[in-house]
Amino acid sequence: MLAHHPYDMNVFYPIQNQQLDYDERFFGPMFPPLGGGPGFPVPPSPPPTGQGQEAGPPTTPPPAFVPAQTQQVEAFAVDPGSIRRCLFRFTYVWLRNRQQFWFYPTFIGRRSISGFRWTGSRWVYFGISLQEIQSFTCV
């Protein structure tokens, strides 16, 4: 009988004559079983989005006024952290191409933002690069 080094990965085990890439006796299974299992708890469900509300459009129109645009330091892009406080709030946005509109953000990523844009009569789903935003204010 041939002796193998305990860390030899080219050992055949009697489990259905399969060659394992690593020794499960030392490291455990490579992937946790679906739905958890012993030693693999089921991950918790993500918290509900929108601070207790669904991530849908607002149920009311935005305010009837246009806020005064504040002068902000010119930057390459809006920082995601600076606009995060506007999540799920009416936010007025001025773009670099001179467009301006009411917006209701529901998601902020590293380089983009999405939510609902007011068309003048209804909310439509909308997303845009943070580089396109010149300034914003939320109420």
Foldseek 3Di string as FASTA:
>chain_A
DDDDDQFDQQDFDPPVRDRGNGDCVPVNDPDADPCGDVVGHDDDDDDAFDVPDHQAADPDDDDPDDDDFDDDDFDQFDALVVCVVQAQFWKWFAWPVRDIFTFHWRDGDRFKTWGWTDPPPDTDTDMDTRSGTGGMDTD
